[in-house]
Amino acid sequence: MVRSWSATFARLQRRLALFMTGPPAFAFVPALCLTAFWFGGEVALVVLAVFLPLAYFMGGSFQGRLTVPRDEATGIFQRSAFEELTDQIYLRALDTDRHSATFFLAIEDFDQIVERYGQSAADTVIQRTGERLVATLRADDNVGKMGDAHFAICTNPVRHLDLELCIQLAGRLQTAAEEPVSIDGTSIYVSASVGFCQHSRAPGKDGRDWLNASATALREARRRGPSAIRAFSDQMQKATQARVELREDVVRALENGQIHPWFQPQISTDTGQITGFEALARWSHPERGVILPAEFLPAIEQEGQLERLAEVMIYHSFAALKAWDGAGVDVPQVGVNFAGSELNNPKLVEKIQWELDRFDLTPNRLAVEVLETVVASAPDDVITRNIISLGKLGCRIDLDDFGTGHASIGSIRRFSVSRIKIDRSFVMKADRDPEQQRTISAILTMAERLQVETLAEGVETVGEHVLLAQLGCDHVQGFGIARPMPFEKTLDWIDRHLSKLEDVPSILDSKKTS
């Protein structure tokens, strides 16, 4: 109750200050003096002379329109001060019918900058970024530091500030932030995403809601990023609410069996035979239908349920292998993705061994799919020991998204990688792009020398499939072969696929006939 009264008094005080220092005061104060003298004479003027300074003092007007101090050296506000300032500007823009906007800017992958260059260098990057943002803006615009790698901007109210101008300003802020920072002769490159909200589109009734709206736009930009710019919209707010609801439901969905693997086939380029399936998580939501991992994986991570998801995926994948075996279908292996958090579990190898024994499966039926970025950055710790131990156990190790994480040849040897999965970015339009073809050829040559199998991801056309076979890629996977499907549909797909293979004449038989 006391806090509510305090907030109300502060709001009234700010409105009084804005009124008494704004344009209305130029007409109101002289008229008030004239009226007082007309009806009360000199005595009324004396009373008014005492009252007006008191009113200005209560309104905080002697301290200027903005009562929030800024850092004298950098010109940047700290978070609490910036939030107070934003609230003041929100009211001023509302009362004067002028236009303003708030912007949220984030440096992407800041943790990686710290790991690669050190905390001191990362701090320098943030300091230079703040200086550049201040230099990009007008003198009466305002910059706040909202976290380790987050800045907020609130523009001073002006007569005209439409969506196009806001986008242009967001672009200038982004360009300034992404200029390389030179430290001890090393240029550090960063990317930045920006979200903004115009005053006219701000939800709520105060500066805090306005600032939160630009933060919401930033989150949407980062989902589309890197280096994306997004403006706040009502639809964005609804999408945020939907994600909040998903986060509340995700743990229950895991336990109720709504989240389970769908399977995408992998086939040999030599024989066309099925060489495995990859297990991909899907959420069969009772109201929204099938939800893809991009939507619900962040919620699972926030709830600390990634290990539980891995357990669910392993259980259903092993159950699928037993079902395929029972149906007399030859599926050599199933691939399951393991993130860094699951691989960091000291009991991981024991858990997988227990599940293999439970389903009476040999370890080579499981392909442990590890992102190249995890392998490239893995120190000699639990993650490293787990990957090596799983390889020694007999599990196959697949290096996922190869070409994007800068894993060394030494890493491939160190972790006894069985197969590298060529990232779809190299496969896309490879049948028409000579540069893509040269890149794939180089990867395949390296893999052949290392005696490591290869699988191309994201194969979508017959042309890509044929080219990869000609270049010597061992396996292919993608929409051009088949989309991910629930287990119930895999048996029918396998029957159809094997029937097609029976109709294809054997190359060896043709040679014998000739």
Protein backbone atom coordinates (compact mmCIF):
# COMPACT_ATOMS: atom_id res chain seq x y z
CA MET A 1 0.00 0.00 0.00
CA VAL A 2 2.81 2.39 0.92
CA ARG A 3 4.65 1.50 -2.29
CA SER A 4 1.49 2.18 -4.33
CA TRP A 5 1.05 5.64 -2.76
CA SER A 6 4.74 6.38 -3.32
CA ALA A 7 4.51 5.44 -6.99
CA THR A 8 1.36 7.55 -7.43
CA PHE A 9 3.00 10.58 -5.79
CA ALA A 10 6.11 10.18 -7.95
CA ARG A 11 3.96 10.03 -11.10
CA LEU A 12 2.03 13.18 -10.06
CA GLN A 13 5.30 14.91 -9.28
CA ARG A 14 6.68 14.11 -12.75
CA ARG A 15 3.50 15.28 -14.46
CA LEU A 16 3.59 18.53 -12.49
CA ALA A 17 7.22 19.07 -13.47
CA LEU A 18 6.48 18.40 -17.13
CA PHE A 19 3.56 20.83 -17.08
CA MET A 20 5.40 23.62 -15.31
CA THR A 21 8.47 23.41 -17.56
CA GLY A 22 6.65 22.74 -20.81
CA PRO A 23 4.96 25.05 -23.33
CA PRO A 24 1.70 25.39 -21.29
CA ALA A 25 3.63 27.17 -18.55
CA PHE A 26 4.45 30.11 -20.86
CA ALA A 27 0.74 30.92 -21.11
CA PHE A 28 -0.43 29.68 -17.73
CA VAL A 29 1.97 31.52 -15.38
CA PRO A 30 1.41 35.06 -16.78
CA ALA A 31 -2.34 34.49 -16.88
CA LEU A 32 -2.27 33.26 -13.31
CA CYS A 33 -0.34 36.35 -12.14
CA LEU A 34 -2.73 38.69 -13.93
CA THR A 35 -5.78 36.94 -12.48
CA ALA A 36 -4.32 37.01 -8.96
CA PHE A 37 -3.61 40.74 -9.16
CA TRP A 38 -7.03 41.48 -10.68
CA PHE A 39 -8.94 39.76 -7.87
CA GLY A 40 -6.58 40.00 -4.91
CA GLY A 41 -4.25 42.89 -5.56
CA GLU A 42 -0.69 42.99 -4.29
CA VAL A 43 -1.38 40.58 -1.42
CA ALA A 44 -2.41 37.87 -3.89
CA LEU A 45 0.74 38.50 -5.94
CA VAL A 46 2.89 38.02 -2.80
CA VAL A 47 1.10 34.75 -1.99
CA LEU A 48 1.58 33.60 -5.59
CA ALA A 49 5.28 34.51 -5.44
CA VAL A 50 5.63 32.16 -2.47
CA PHE A 51 3.43 29.40 -3.93
CA LEU A 52 5.00 29.10 -7.40
CA PRO A 53 8.59 28.34 -6.25
CA LEU A 54 7.15 25.80 -3.81
CA ALA A 55 5.20 24.14 -6.63
CA TYR A 56 8.30 24.05 -8.82
CA PHE A 57 10.27 22.55 -5.95
CA MET A 58 7.66 19.81 -5.33
CA GLY A 59 7.62 19.02 -9.04
CA GLY A 60 11.39 18.64 -9.09
CA SER A 61 11.56 21.34 -11.75
CA PHE A 62 14.59 23.09 -10.29
CA GLN A 63 16.53 19.92 -11.08
CA GLY A 64 15.62 20.08 -14.76
CA ARG A 65 13.22 18.00 -16.73
CA LEU A 66 15.16 14.79 -16.27
CA THR A 67 16.19 14.14 -12.71
CA VAL A 68 18.27 11.04 -13.37
CA PRO A 69 22.07 11.41 -13.25
CA ARG A 70 24.24 9.81 -15.93
CA ASP A 71 27.84 8.64 -15.88
CA GLU A 72 29.93 11.74 -16.60
CA ALA A 73 32.76 9.79 -18.28
CA THR A 74 30.72 7.58 -20.65
CA GLY A 75 27.36 9.32 -20.79
CA ILE A 76 25.68 5.94 -20.13
CA PHE A 77 23.02 5.31 -17.50
CA GLN A 78 22.94 2.28 -15.24
CA ARG A 79 19.85 0.08 -15.38
CA SER A 80 17.77 1.52 -12.52
CA ALA A 81 18.51 5.10 -13.56
CA PHE A 82 17.69 4.35 -17.20
CA GLU A 83 14.34 2.77 -16.27
CA GLU A 84 13.44 5.89 -14.27
CA LEU A 85 14.48 8.06 -17.19
CA THR A 86 12.40 6.02 -19.64
CA ASP A 87 9.35 6.49 -17.45
CA GLN A 88 9.88 10.26 -17.47
CA ILE A 89 10.25 10.36 -21.26
CA TYR A 90 7.17 8.18 -21.67
CA LEU A 91 5.09 10.73 -19.76
CA ARG A 92 6.65 13.70 -21.52
CA ALA A 93 5.95 12.21 -24.97
CA LEU A 94 2.39 11.47 -23.89
CA ASP A 95 1.74 14.95 -22.52
CA THR A 96 3.38 16.86 -25.38
CA ASP A 97 2.02 14.64 -28.19
CA ARG A 98 5.53 13.99 -29.48
CA HIS A 99 7.19 10.79 -30.66
CA SER A 100 9.93 8.63 -29.16
CA ALA A 101 11.20 5.05 -29.30
CA THR A 102 13.08 2.62 -27.12
CA PHE A 103 15.68 0.23 -28.53
CA PHE A 104 17.27 -2.90 -27.03
CA LEU A 105 20.59 -4.07 -28.49
CA ALA A 106 22.41 -7.30 -27.60
CA ILE A 107 25.89 -8.49 -28.53
CA GLU A 108 25.51 -12.09 -29.75
CA ASP A 109 27.49 -15.02 -28.31
CA PHE A 110 29.10 -12.88 -25.62
CA ASP A 111 30.05 -15.98 -23.60
CA GLN A 112 32.09 -17.23 -26.55
CA ILE A 113 33.91 -13.89 -26.73
CA VAL A 114 34.81 -14.27 -23.04
CA GLU A 115 36.00 -17.86 -23.55
CA ARG A 116 38.04 -17.07 -26.66
CA TYR A 117 39.59 -13.70 -25.78
CA GLY A 118 39.25 -13.44 -21.99
CA GLN A 119 37.11 -11.34 -19.68
CA SER A 120 39.29 -8.23 -19.98
CA ALA A 121 38.97 -8.18 -23.78
CA ALA A 122 35.24 -8.83 -23.54
CA ASP A 123 34.87 -5.89 -21.14
CA THR A 124 36.73 -3.70 -23.63
CA VAL A 125 34.32 -4.78 -26.39
CA ILE A 126 31.36 -3.75 -24.24
CA GLN A 127 33.00 -0.42 -23.32
CA ARG A 128 33.75 0.42 -26.97
CA THR A 129 30.23 -0.62 -27.99
CA GLY A 130 28.72 1.76 -25.45
CA GLU A 131 30.95 4.60 -26.64
CA ARG A 132 29.97 3.98 -30.27
CA LEU A 133 26.26 3.92 -29.46
CA VAL A 134 26.53 7.25 -27.65
CA ALA A 135 28.46 8.72 -30.60
CA THR A 136 25.82 7.50 -33.06
CA LEU A 137 22.94 9.22 -31.25
CA ARG A 138 22.02 12.85 -30.71
CA ALA A 139 23.25 14.60 -27.58
CA ASP A 140 19.81 14.51 -25.92
CA ASP A 141 19.16 10.81 -26.65
CA ASN A 142 19.94 8.36 -23.87
CA VAL A 143 21.84 5.06 -23.56
CA GLY A 144 21.58 2.60 -20.68
CA LYS A 145 23.64 -0.50 -19.83
CA MET A 146 21.16 -3.26 -19.07
CA GLY A 147 23.44 -6.25 -18.55
CA ASP A 148 26.77 -7.79 -19.56
CA ALA A 149 26.07 -7.50 -23.28
CA HIS A 150 22.80 -5.54 -23.47
CA PHE A 151 22.20 -1.85 -24.08
CA ALA A 152 18.98 0.14 -24.20
CA ILE A 153 18.34 3.44 -25.97
CA CYS A 154 15.51 5.90 -25.40
CA THR A 155 15.28 8.76 -27.88
CA ASN A 156 14.35 12.27 -26.84
CA PRO A 157 10.76 13.10 -27.95
CA VAL A 158 10.57 14.76 -31.39
CA ARG A 159 7.80 15.92 -33.73
CA HIS A 160 8.29 13.14 -36.29
CA LEU A 161 9.58 9.59 -35.80
CA ASP A 162 7.90 6.97 -38.00
CA LEU A 163 8.63 3.27 -38.47
CA GLU A 164 11.05 3.83 -41.35
CA LEU A 165 13.16 6.27 -39.32
CA CYS A 166 13.24 3.82 -36.42
CA ILE A 167 14.45 1.04 -38.71
CA GLN A 168 17.15 3.32 -40.09
CA LEU A 169 18.27 4.27 -36.59
CA ALA A 170 18.30 0.60 -35.54
CA GLY A 171 20.49 -0.14 -38.57
CA ARG A 172 22.95 2.62 -37.63
CA LEU A 173 23.13 1.35 -34.05
CA GLN A 174 23.72 -2.19 -35.28
CA THR A 175 26.43 -1.07 -37.72
CA ALA A 176 28.20 0.88 -34.98
CA ALA A 177 28.10 -2.10 -32.61
CA GLU A 178 29.40 -4.53 -35.25
CA GLU A 179 32.49 -2.54 -36.16
CA PRO A 180 35.52 -4.71 -35.26
CA VAL A 181 37.25 -3.92 -31.99
CA SER A 182 41.06 -3.99 -32.15
CA ILE A 183 42.75 -5.20 -28.96
CA ASP A 184 46.51 -5.77 -28.89
CA GLY A 185 46.60 -6.14 -32.65
CA THR A 186 43.69 -8.62 -32.74
CA SER A 187 40.42 -7.62 -34.40
CA ILE A 188 37.38 -8.97 -32.56
CA TYR A 189 34.25 -9.22 -34.69
CA VAL A 190 30.81 -9.32 -33.11
CA SER A 191 27.24 -9.44 -34.31
CA ALA A 192 24.36 -7.55 -32.72
CA SER A 193 20.58 -7.90 -32.80
CA VAL A 194 18.18 -5.01 -32.19
CA GLY A 195 14.57 -4.79 -31.08
CA PHE A 196 12.63 -1.55 -30.76
CA CYS A 197 9.22 -0.20 -29.84
CA GLN A 198 7.71 3.11 -30.90
CA HIS A 199 6.02 5.18 -28.20
CA SER A 200 2.75 5.09 -30.13
CA ARG A 201 2.77 1.27 -30.13
CA ALA A 202 3.83 0.79 -26.51
CA PRO A 203 1.60 -1.51 -24.48
CA GLY A 204 0.78 -0.74 -20.85
CA LYS A 205 0.72 2.59 -19.12
CA ASP A 206 4.30 3.42 -18.19
CA GLY A 207 7.91 3.40 -19.29
CA ARG A 208 8.61 -0.04 -17.85
CA ASP A 209 6.04 -1.67 -20.14
CA TRP A 210 7.43 0.34 -23.05
CA LEU A 211 10.96 -0.87 -22.35
CA ASN A 212 9.75 -4.45 -21.91
CA ALA A 213 8.14 -4.24 -25.35
CA SER A 214 11.47 -3.43 -27.00
CA ALA A 215 13.07 -6.28 -25.01
CA THR A 216 10.38 -8.59 -26.42
CA ALA A 217 11.23 -7.38 -29.94
CA LEU A 218 14.90 -8.10 -29.23
CA ARG A 219 14.13 -11.68 -28.22
CA GLU A 220 12.23 -12.14 -31.47
CA ALA A 221 15.17 -10.66 -33.40
CA ARG A 222 17.61 -13.05 -31.73
CA ARG A 223 15.42 -15.98 -32.69
CA ARG A 224 15.67 -14.79 -36.30
CA GLY A 225 19.31 -13.75 -36.05
CA PRO A 226 22.11 -13.24 -35.90
CA SER A 227 22.18 -9.54 -36.82
CA ALA A 228 18.41 -9.22 -37.05
CA ILE A 229 16.22 -6.19 -36.39
CA ARG A 230 12.59 -6.43 -35.25
CA ALA A 231 9.91 -3.90 -34.31
CA PHE A 232 7.45 -4.68 -31.52
CA SER A 233 3.93 -5.71 -32.50
CA ASP A 234 0.86 -6.99 -30.67
CA GLN A 235 1.28 -10.34 -32.42
CA MET A 236 4.74 -10.59 -30.92
CA GLN A 237 3.24 -10.19 -27.47
CA LYS A 238 0.77 -13.01 -28.16
CA ALA A 239 3.60 -15.23 -29.38
CA THR A 240 5.55 -14.47 -26.20
CA GLN A 241 2.54 -15.45 -24.11
CA ALA A 242 2.22 -18.67 -26.08
CA ARG A 243 5.88 -19.49 -25.37
CA VAL A 244 5.32 -18.81 -21.68
CA GLU A 245 2.42 -21.25 -21.73
CA LEU A 246 4.58 -23.82 -23.54
CA ARG A 247 7.23 -23.45 -20.88
CA GLU A 248 4.64 -24.16 -18.20
CA ASP A 249 3.41 -27.25 -20.08
CA VAL A 250 6.70 -28.72 -21.27
CA VAL A 251 7.60 -30.71 -18.14
CA ARG A 252 4.14 -32.21 -18.00
CA ALA A 253 4.34 -33.00 -21.73
CA LEU A 254 7.60 -34.90 -21.19
CA GLU A 255 6.06 -37.04 -18.47
CA ASN A 256 2.79 -37.61 -20.36
CA GLY A 257 4.55 -38.93 -23.45
CA GLN A 258 3.56 -36.02 -25.69
CA ILE A 259 7.23 -35.44 -26.58
CA HIS A 260 8.75 -38.40 -28.41
CA PRO A 261 11.00 -39.12 -31.40
CA TRP A 262 10.04 -39.04 -35.05
CA PHE A 263 12.41 -40.90 -37.35
CA GLN A 264 14.11 -39.77 -40.56
CA PRO A 265 15.73 -42.49 -42.70
CA GLN A 266 19.33 -42.55 -43.86
CA ILE A 267 20.22 -44.56 -46.95
CA SER A 268 23.35 -45.79 -48.72
CA THR A 269 24.28 -44.03 -51.95
CA ASP A 270 25.77 -47.30 -53.27
CA THR A 271 22.91 -49.72 -52.67
CA GLY A 272 19.94 -47.57 -51.66
CA GLN A 273 19.53 -49.76 -48.58
CA ILE A 274 18.46 -48.24 -45.28
CA THR A 275 21.53 -47.67 -43.09
CA GLY A 276 19.76 -46.11 -40.12
CA PHE A 277 17.29 -43.58 -38.82
CA GLU A 278 17.84 -40.33 -36.94
CA ALA A 279 15.58 -39.71 -33.95
CA LEU A 280 14.23 -36.14 -33.93
CA ALA A 281 12.14 -34.80 -31.06
CA ARG A 282 8.53 -33.75 -31.77
CA TRP A 283 5.83 -32.50 -29.40
CA SER A 284 2.36 -33.77 -30.26
CA HIS A 285 0.41 -30.98 -28.57
CA PRO A 286 -3.30 -31.77 -27.99
CA GLU A 287 -4.39 -28.30 -29.21
CA ARG A 288 -1.57 -26.94 -31.39
CA GLY A 289 -0.68 -30.13 -33.22
CA VAL A 290 2.94 -31.10 -33.90
CA ILE A 291 5.44 -28.58 -32.49
CA LEU A 292 9.01 -28.54 -33.80
CA PRO A 293 12.10 -28.49 -31.52
CA ALA A 294 12.96 -24.87 -32.36
CA GLU A 295 9.87 -23.82 -30.39
CA PHE A 296 10.04 -26.08 -27.34
CA LEU A 297 13.75 -26.88 -26.85
CA PRO A 298 14.50 -23.44 -25.30
CA ALA A 299 11.67 -24.06 -22.81
CA ILE A 300 13.06 -27.50 -21.97
CA GLU A 301 16.51 -25.99 -21.46
CA GLN A 302 15.14 -23.22 -19.23
CA GLU A 303 13.36 -25.81 -17.12
CA GLY A 304 16.55 -27.87 -16.82
CA GLN A 305 14.95 -30.89 -18.51
CA LEU A 306 17.44 -31.61 -21.32
CA GLU A 307 18.70 -34.75 -19.58
CA ARG A 308 15.14 -35.96 -19.12
CA LEU A 309 14.51 -35.35 -22.84
CA ALA A 310 17.60 -37.41 -23.69
CA GLU A 311 16.29 -40.27 -21.53
CA VAL A 312 12.94 -40.17 -23.32
CA MET A 313 14.60 -40.12 -26.74
CA ILE A 314 16.91 -43.05 -25.90
CA TYR A 315 14.08 -45.15 -24.48
CA HIS A 316 11.78 -44.68 -27.49
CA SER A 317 14.65 -45.09 -29.97
CA PHE A 318 15.69 -48.42 -28.43
CA ALA A 319 12.04 -49.51 -28.35
CA ALA A 320 11.83 -48.70 -32.07
CA LEU A 321 14.94 -50.78 -32.80
CA LYS A 322 13.39 -53.77 -31.01
CA ALA A 323 10.13 -53.27 -32.91
CA TRP A 324 11.95 -53.14 -36.26
CA ASP A 325 13.87 -56.29 -35.32
CA GLY A 326 10.60 -57.97 -34.37
CA ALA A 327 9.10 -57.04 -37.73
CA GLY A 328 12.06 -58.62 -39.53
CA VAL A 329 13.28 -55.26 -40.84
CA ASP A 330 17.00 -54.54 -41.07
CA VAL A 331 17.69 -51.14 -39.45
CA PRO A 332 21.36 -51.19 -38.43
CA GLN A 333 21.29 -48.22 -36.08
CA VAL A 334 19.44 -45.18 -34.78
CA GLY A 335 21.06 -41.79 -34.20
CA VAL A 336 20.24 -39.76 -31.08
CA ASN A 337 21.42 -36.17 -30.60
CA PHE A 338 23.34 -35.37 -27.42
CA ALA A 339 23.85 -31.77 -26.32
CA GLY A 340 26.64 -30.53 -24.08
CA SER A 341 24.48 -30.65 -20.95
CA GLU A 342 23.62 -34.36 -21.41
CA LEU A 343 27.23 -35.21 -22.22
CA ASN A 344 28.28 -33.47 -19.01
CA ASN A 345 26.55 -36.11 -16.89
CA PRO A 346 29.19 -38.31 -15.16
CA LYS A 347 26.68 -41.21 -15.10
CA LEU A 348 25.82 -41.02 -18.82
CA VAL A 349 27.78 -44.11 -19.94
CA GLU A 350 26.30 -46.21 -17.13
CA LYS A 351 22.76 -45.07 -18.04
CA ILE A 352 23.21 -45.94 -21.72
CA GLN A 353 24.77 -49.31 -20.86
CA TRP A 354 21.80 -50.05 -18.61
CA GLU A 355 19.30 -49.15 -21.34
CA LEU A 356 21.16 -51.29 -23.91
CA ASP A 357 21.05 -54.27 -21.53
CA ARG A 358 17.39 -53.56 -20.79
CA PHE A 359 16.47 -53.85 -24.49
CA ASP A 360 19.10 -56.52 -25.22
CA LEU A 361 20.80 -54.39 -27.88
CA THR A 362 24.46 -54.20 -28.82
CA PRO A 363 26.16 -50.77 -28.45
CA ASN A 364 26.79 -50.43 -32.21
CA ARG A 365 23.03 -50.00 -32.73
CA LEU A 366 23.29 -46.52 -31.16
CA ALA A 367 24.87 -43.61 -33.03
CA VAL A 368 25.71 -40.81 -30.60
CA GLU A 369 25.31 -37.59 -32.59
CA VAL A 370 27.48 -34.79 -31.21
CA LEU A 371 27.58 -31.26 -32.60
CA GLU A 372 30.89 -30.27 -34.12
CA THR A 373 30.87 -27.14 -31.95
CA VAL A 374 30.81 -29.33 -28.82
CA VAL A 375 33.75 -31.43 -30.02
CA ALA A 376 35.73 -28.38 -31.15
CA SER A 377 35.46 -26.65 -27.77
CA ALA A 378 35.50 -29.70 -25.46
CA PRO A 379 38.36 -29.52 -22.95
CA ASP A 380 39.67 -32.58 -21.14
CA ASP A 381 36.66 -32.91 -18.87
CA VAL A 382 33.50 -35.00 -18.32
CA ILE A 383 32.22 -34.36 -21.87
CA THR A 384 35.46 -35.59 -23.41
CA ARG A 385 35.63 -38.66 -21.19
CA ASN A 386 32.01 -39.54 -21.94
CA ILE A 387 32.43 -39.32 -25.73
CA ILE A 388 35.61 -41.40 -25.61
CA SER A 389 34.02 -43.96 -23.26
CA LEU A 390 30.92 -44.31 -25.46
CA GLY A 391 33.20 -44.98 -28.42
CA LYS A 392 35.10 -47.63 -26.46
CA LEU A 393 31.79 -49.16 -25.38
CA GLY A 394 31.05 -49.78 -29.05
CA CYS A 395 28.64 -46.95 -29.80
CA ARG A 396 29.13 -45.15 -33.09
CA ILE A 397 30.11 -41.48 -32.83
CA ASP A 398 28.61 -39.19 -35.47
CA LEU A 399 30.01 -35.66 -35.81
CA ASP A 400 26.95 -33.53 -36.58
CA ASP A 401 26.79 -30.32 -38.65
CA PHE A 402 30.34 -30.84 -39.92
CA GLY A 403 31.89 -27.71 -41.41
CA THR A 404 30.29 -25.24 -39.00
CA GLY A 405 32.22 -25.73 -35.77
CA HIS A 406 35.90 -25.86 -36.82
CA ALA A 407 36.72 -29.28 -35.35
CA SER A 408 40.31 -30.25 -36.06
CA ILE A 409 41.48 -33.50 -37.63
CA GLY A 410 43.00 -34.25 -34.25
CA SER A 411 39.54 -34.04 -32.67
CA ILE A 412 38.15 -36.54 -35.17
CA ARG A 413 40.92 -38.97 -34.25
CA ARG A 414 40.73 -38.22 -30.55
CA PHE A 415 37.03 -39.02 -30.27
CA SER A 416 37.12 -42.04 -32.62
CA VAL A 417 34.49 -40.47 -34.85
CA SER A 418 32.77 -43.10 -37.01
CA ARG A 419 31.02 -40.75 -39.39
CA ILE A 420 30.90 -37.05 -40.20
CA LYS A 421 27.56 -35.51 -41.17
CA ILE A 422 28.09 -32.80 -43.78
CA ASP A 423 25.99 -29.77 -42.86
CA ARG A 424 23.07 -28.98 -45.16
CA SER A 425 24.50 -25.52 -45.87
CA PHE A 426 27.14 -27.23 -48.04
CA VAL A 427 24.62 -29.57 -49.66
CA MET A 428 22.11 -26.93 -50.68
CA LYS A 429 22.09 -26.48 -54.50
CA ALA A 430 25.34 -28.42 -54.75
CA ASP A 431 24.25 -29.86 -58.10
CA ARG A 432 24.23 -26.32 -59.54
CA ASP A 433 26.99 -24.56 -57.61
CA PRO A 434 30.63 -25.47 -58.47
CA GLU A 435 31.87 -23.85 -55.25
CA GLN A 436 29.63 -26.13 -53.18
CA GLN A 437 30.89 -29.12 -55.17
CA ARG A 438 34.53 -28.24 -54.48
CA THR A 439 33.81 -27.89 -50.75
CA ILE A 440 32.05 -31.24 -50.57
CA SER A 441 34.85 -32.92 -52.55
CA ALA A 442 37.43 -31.58 -50.11
CA ILE A 443 35.46 -32.90 -47.12
CA LEU A 444 34.99 -36.31 -48.75
CA THR A 445 38.70 -36.56 -49.63
CA MET A 446 39.68 -35.78 -46.04
CA ALA A 447 37.18 -38.32 -44.70
CA GLU A 448 38.47 -41.01 -47.06
CA ARG A 449 42.06 -40.45 -45.92
CA LEU A 450 40.93 -40.66 -42.29
CA GLN A 451 38.83 -43.75 -43.04
CA VAL A 452 35.71 -42.06 -41.70
CA GLU A 453 32.27 -42.54 -43.24
CA THR A 454 30.28 -39.56 -44.53
CA LEU A 455 26.61 -38.63 -44.53
CA ALA A 456 25.13 -35.58 -46.26
CA GLU A 457 22.25 -33.86 -44.45
CA GLY A 458 19.47 -31.83 -46.00
CA VAL A 459 19.34 -33.60 -49.37
CA GLU A 460 16.19 -32.26 -50.99
CA THR A 461 16.47 -32.94 -54.74
CA VAL A 462 17.33 -35.83 -57.03
CA GLY A 463 20.15 -33.72 -58.48
CA GLU A 464 21.79 -33.28 -55.08
CA HIS A 465 21.38 -37.00 -54.35
CA VAL A 466 22.98 -38.03 -57.65
CA LEU A 467 25.88 -35.60 -57.29
CA LEU A 468 26.68 -36.78 -53.76
CA ALA A 469 26.70 -40.38 -54.94
CA GLN A 470 29.03 -39.48 -57.81
CA LEU A 471 31.40 -37.61 -55.50
CA GLY A 472 31.60 -40.62 -53.16
CA CYS A 473 29.48 -39.63 -50.16
CA ASP A 474 28.49 -42.83 -48.31
CA HIS A 475 25.03 -41.94 -46.98
CA VAL A 476 22.32 -39.31 -47.54
CA GLN A 477 19.45 -37.97 -45.47
CA GLY A 478 16.86 -35.27 -46.08
CA PHE A 479 13.40 -34.37 -47.35
CA GLY A 480 14.39 -35.67 -50.79
CA ILE A 481 14.59 -39.15 -49.23
CA ALA A 482 11.82 -38.83 -46.64
CA ARG A 483 10.56 -36.41 -44.03
CA PRO A 484 10.70 -37.32 -40.33
CA MET A 485 7.76 -39.58 -39.43
CA PRO A 486 6.28 -41.16 -36.29
CA PHE A 487 7.30 -44.75 -35.66
CA GLU A 488 3.89 -46.07 -36.74
CA LYS A 489 4.55 -44.89 -40.31
CA THR A 490 8.11 -46.16 -40.60
CA LEU A 491 7.18 -49.77 -41.40
CA ASP A 492 4.98 -48.75 -44.33
CA TRP A 493 7.70 -46.42 -45.63
CA ILE A 494 10.30 -49.18 -45.37
CA ASP A 495 8.08 -51.57 -47.33
CA ARG A 496 7.56 -49.01 -50.09
CA HIS A 497 11.26 -48.16 -50.23
CA LEU A 498 12.38 -51.80 -50.43
CA SER A 499 9.81 -52.45 -53.14
CA LYS A 500 11.32 -49.67 -55.23
CA LEU A 501 14.79 -51.20 -54.80
CA GLU A 502 13.56 -54.57 -56.08
CA ASP A 503 12.47 -52.91 -59.32
CA VAL A 504 15.92 -51.39 -59.90
CA PRO A 505 18.25 -53.65 -61.96
CA SER A 506 21.50 -54.58 -60.28
CA ILE A 507 24.64 -53.11 -61.83
CA LEU A 508 26.58 -56.29 -61.03
CA ASP A 509 23.94 -58.48 -62.73
CA SER A 510 24.05 -56.27 -65.81
CA LYS A 511 27.81 -56.68 -66.01
CA LYS A 512 27.52 -60.49 -65.76
CA THR A 513 24.92 -60.58 -68.54
CA SER A 514 27.09 -58.55 -70.84
